[in-house]
Amino acid sequence: MANKIYVGNLPTSLTDKELFDLFSPFGAVLSAKVVIGMDSKSNTGYGYVIMSNDSDVQTAILKLNNSSLKKNKLRVVKAHPIDQDSGYLARKNRFSRFNKFSKFKKR
């Protein structure tokens, strides 16, 4: 995950190959993937690029963030993992205020 880049606001016509070619001048690209929607089978407007080392990642982010590609202003940032517990804790805390009114309290 350390060398993974999130690329947002991609043109809907962009392919994996074009994304790969966009990042190639900044270092060795290991993988480039445009995310495809499940229902429409079309480009969702974002993708991920994995580069070989951290210095290439930093260079690509500096050069490509806020740049234009086919009239779209790209958002290029270092990808970060989604916290697996955040969804559960958010749901748990959302309904905790109702527990004091429950007639099924633990004794």
C-alpha atoms as a PDB file:
ATOM      1  CA  MET A   1       0.000   0.000   0.000  1.00  0.00           C
ATOM      2  CA  ALA A   2       2.970   2.303   0.534  1.00  0.00           C
ATOM      3  CA  ASN A   3       3.474   3.004  -3.166  1.00  0.00           C
ATOM      4  CA  LYS A   4      -0.184   3.158  -4.185  1.00  0.00           C
ATOM      5  CA  ILE A   5      -1.646   6.345  -5.656  1.00  0.00           C
ATOM      6  CA  TYR A   6      -5.309   7.347  -5.849  1.00  0.00           C
ATOM      7  CA  VAL A   7      -6.211   9.221  -9.048  1.00  0.00           C
ATOM      8  CA  GLY A   8      -9.575  10.987  -9.006  1.00  0.00           C
ATOM      9  CA  ASN A   9     -11.685  12.921 -11.515  1.00  0.00           C
ATOM     10  CA  LEU A  10     -10.542  10.795 -14.451  1.00  0.00           C
ATOM     11  CA  PRO A  11     -12.243  11.240 -17.824  1.00  0.00           C
ATOM     12  CA  THR A  12     -14.849   8.510 -18.345  1.00  0.00           C
ATOM     13  CA  SER A  13     -13.200   7.438 -21.596  1.00  0.00           C
ATOM     14  CA  LEU A  14      -9.781   6.764 -19.999  1.00  0.00           C
ATOM     15  CA  THR A  15      -8.391   3.209 -20.182  1.00  0.00           C
ATOM     16  CA  ASP A  16      -5.953   1.308 -17.969  1.00  0.00           C
ATOM     17  CA  LYS A  17      -3.282   1.646 -20.669  1.00  0.00           C
ATOM     18  CA  GLU A  18      -3.717   5.425 -20.859  1.00  0.00           C
ATOM     19  CA  LEU A  19      -3.474   5.687 -17.060  1.00  0.00           C
ATOM     20  CA  PHE A  20      -0.316   3.553 -17.138  1.00  0.00           C
ATOM     21  CA  ASP A  21       1.184   5.770 -19.865  1.00  0.00           C
ATOM     22  CA  LEU A  22       0.309   8.927 -17.910  1.00  0.00           C
ATOM     23  CA  PHE A  23       2.427   7.826 -14.922  1.00  0.00           C
ATOM     24  CA  SER A  24       5.276   6.107 -16.820  1.00  0.00           C
ATOM     25  CA  PRO A  25       7.425   9.255 -17.262  1.00  0.00           C
ATOM     26  CA  PHE A  26       7.741   9.558 -13.466  1.00  0.00           C
ATOM     27  CA  GLY A  27       9.121   6.083 -12.739  1.00  0.00           C
ATOM     28  CA  ALA A  28       8.434   2.371 -12.978  1.00  0.00           C
ATOM     29  CA  VAL A  29       4.696   1.672 -12.908  1.00  0.00           C
ATOM     30  CA  LEU A  30       3.839  -1.776 -11.568  1.00  0.00           C
ATOM     31  CA  SER A  31       0.079  -1.504 -12.047  1.00  0.00           C
ATOM     32  CA  ALA A  32      -2.525   0.983 -13.265  1.00  0.00           C
ATOM     33  CA  LYS A  33      -6.237   0.277 -12.899  1.00  0.00           C
ATOM     34  CA  VAL A  34      -9.268   2.414 -13.708  1.00  0.00           C
ATOM     35  CA  VAL A  35     -12.179   1.365 -11.474  1.00  0.00           C
ATOM     36  CA  ILE A  36     -15.214   0.167 -13.427  1.00  0.00           C
ATOM     37  CA  GLY A  37     -18.752   0.405 -12.030  1.00  0.00           C
ATOM     38  CA  MET A  38     -20.620  -2.831 -11.376  1.00  0.00           C
ATOM     39  CA  ASP A  39     -23.945  -1.737 -12.800  1.00  0.00           C
ATOM     40  CA  SER A  40     -22.931   0.365 -15.789  1.00  0.00           C
ATOM     41  CA  LYS A  41     -19.670  -1.364 -16.756  1.00  0.00           C
ATOM     42  CA  SER A  42     -18.215   2.090 -17.380  1.00  0.00           C
ATOM     43  CA  ASN A  43     -15.381   4.078 -15.858  1.00  0.00           C
ATOM     44  CA  THR A  44     -16.329   5.462 -12.424  1.00  0.00           C
ATOM     45  CA  GLY A  45     -13.950   8.425 -12.646  1.00  0.00           C
ATOM     46  CA  TYR A  46     -11.161   7.186 -10.399  1.00  0.00           C
ATOM     47  CA  GLY A  47      -8.372   4.652 -10.381  1.00  0.00           C
ATOM     48  CA  TYR A  48      -5.221   3.444  -8.662  1.00  0.00           C
ATOM     49  CA  VAL A  49      -1.584   3.315  -9.721  1.00  0.00           C
ATOM     50  CA  ILE A  50       1.155   1.316  -7.987  1.00  0.00           C
ATOM     51  CA  MET A  51       4.718   2.489  -8.519  1.00  0.00           C
ATOM     52  CA  SER A  52       7.990   0.758  -7.660  1.00  0.00           C
ATOM     53  CA  ASN A  53       9.337   3.181  -5.056  1.00  0.00           C
ATOM     54  CA  ASP A  54       8.287   6.053  -2.828  1.00  0.00           C
ATOM     55  CA  SER A  55      10.363   8.732  -4.562  1.00  0.00           C
ATOM     56  CA  ASP A  56       8.590   7.983  -7.870  1.00  0.00           C
ATOM     57  CA  VAL A  57       5.252   8.234  -6.063  1.00  0.00           C
ATOM     58  CA  GLN A  58       6.128  11.652  -4.629  1.00  0.00           C
ATOM     59  CA  THR A  59       7.341  12.934  -8.015  1.00  0.00           C
ATOM     60  CA  ALA A  60       4.192  11.749  -9.794  1.00  0.00           C
ATOM     61  CA  ILE A  61       1.934  13.331  -7.165  1.00  0.00           C
ATOM     62  CA  LEU A  62       3.773  16.663  -7.348  1.00  0.00           C
ATOM     63  CA  LYS A  63       3.667  16.758 -11.151  1.00  0.00           C
ATOM     64  CA  LEU A  64       0.160  15.411 -11.797  1.00  0.00           C
ATOM     65  CA  ASN A  65      -2.011  16.661  -8.923  1.00  0.00           C
ATOM     66  CA  ASN A  66      -4.316  19.448 -10.176  1.00  0.00           C
ATOM     67  CA  SER A  67      -3.120  18.922 -13.756  1.00  0.00           C
ATOM     68  CA  SER A  68      -5.604  18.715 -16.644  1.00  0.00           C
ATOM     69  CA  LEU A  69      -6.373  15.604 -18.649  1.00  0.00           C
ATOM     70  CA  LYS A  70      -9.030  15.818 -21.370  1.00  0.00           C
ATOM     71  CA  LYS A  71     -10.560  18.901 -19.683  1.00  0.00           C
ATOM     72  CA  ASN A  72     -10.655  17.193 -16.261  1.00  0.00           C
ATOM     73  CA  LYS A  73      -8.622  18.529 -13.317  1.00  0.00           C
ATOM     74  CA  LEU A  74      -6.999  15.441 -11.780  1.00  0.00           C
ATOM     75  CA  ARG A  75      -6.774  14.741  -8.074  1.00  0.00           C
ATOM     76  CA  VAL A  76      -3.639  12.702  -7.407  1.00  0.00           C
ATOM     77  CA  VAL A  77      -2.847  11.715  -3.813  1.00  0.00           C
ATOM     78  CA  LYS A  78      -1.187   8.884  -1.945  1.00  0.00           C
ATOM     79  CA  ALA A  79      -3.728   6.127  -1.322  1.00  0.00           C
ATOM     80  CA  HIS A  80      -4.455   5.125   2.264  1.00  0.00           C
ATOM     81  CA  PRO A  81      -6.229   2.056   3.619  1.00  0.00           C
ATOM     82  CA  ILE A  82      -9.807   2.368   4.784  1.00  0.00           C
ATOM     83  CA  ASP A  83     -10.156   1.677   8.497  1.00  0.00           C
ATOM     84  CA  GLN A  84     -12.055  -1.591   8.725  1.00  0.00           C
ATOM     85  CA  ASP A  85     -13.605  -0.787  12.115  1.00  0.00           C
ATOM     86  CA  SER A  86     -14.894   2.670  11.266  1.00  0.00           C
ATOM     87  CA  GLY A  87     -18.127   1.404   9.707  1.00  0.00           C
ATOM     88  CA  TYR A  88     -19.026  -0.788  12.667  1.00  0.00           C
ATOM     89  CA  LEU A  89     -18.183   1.851  15.254  1.00  0.00           C
ATOM     90  CA  ALA A  90     -20.113   4.517  13.394  1.00  0.00           C
ATOM     91  CA  ARG A  91     -23.247   2.330  13.344  1.00  0.00           C
ATOM     92  CA  LYS A  92     -22.798   1.326  16.976  1.00  0.00           C
ATOM     93  CA  ASN A  93     -22.453   4.916  18.178  1.00  0.00           C
ATOM     94  CA  ARG A  94     -25.295   6.192  16.003  1.00  0.00           C
ATOM     95  CA  PHE A  95     -27.863   4.081  17.864  1.00  0.00           C
ATOM     96  CA  SER A  96     -26.314   4.102  21.335  1.00  0.00           C
ATOM     97  CA  ARG A  97     -28.483   7.023  22.457  1.00  0.00           C
ATOM     98  CA  PHE A  98     -31.596   4.843  22.106  1.00  0.00           C
ATOM     99  CA  ASN A  99     -30.305   2.093  24.406  1.00  0.00           C
ATOM    100  CA  LYS A 100     -31.400   3.932  27.553  1.00  0.00           C
ATOM    101  CA  PHE A 101     -35.026   3.718  26.389  1.00  0.00           C
ATOM    102  CA  SER A 102     -34.917   0.050  25.513  1.00  0.00           C
ATOM    103  CA  LYS A 103     -37.125  -2.268  27.554  1.00  0.00           C
ATOM    104  CA  PHE A 104     -34.651  -5.098  26.875  1.00  0.00           C
ATOM    105  CA  LYS A 105     -31.848  -3.831  29.108  1.00  0.00           C
ATOM    106  CA  LYS A 106     -29.273  -6.200  30.509  1.00  0.00           C
ATOM    107  CA  ARG A 107     -29.577  -6.675  34.258  1.00  0.00           C
END
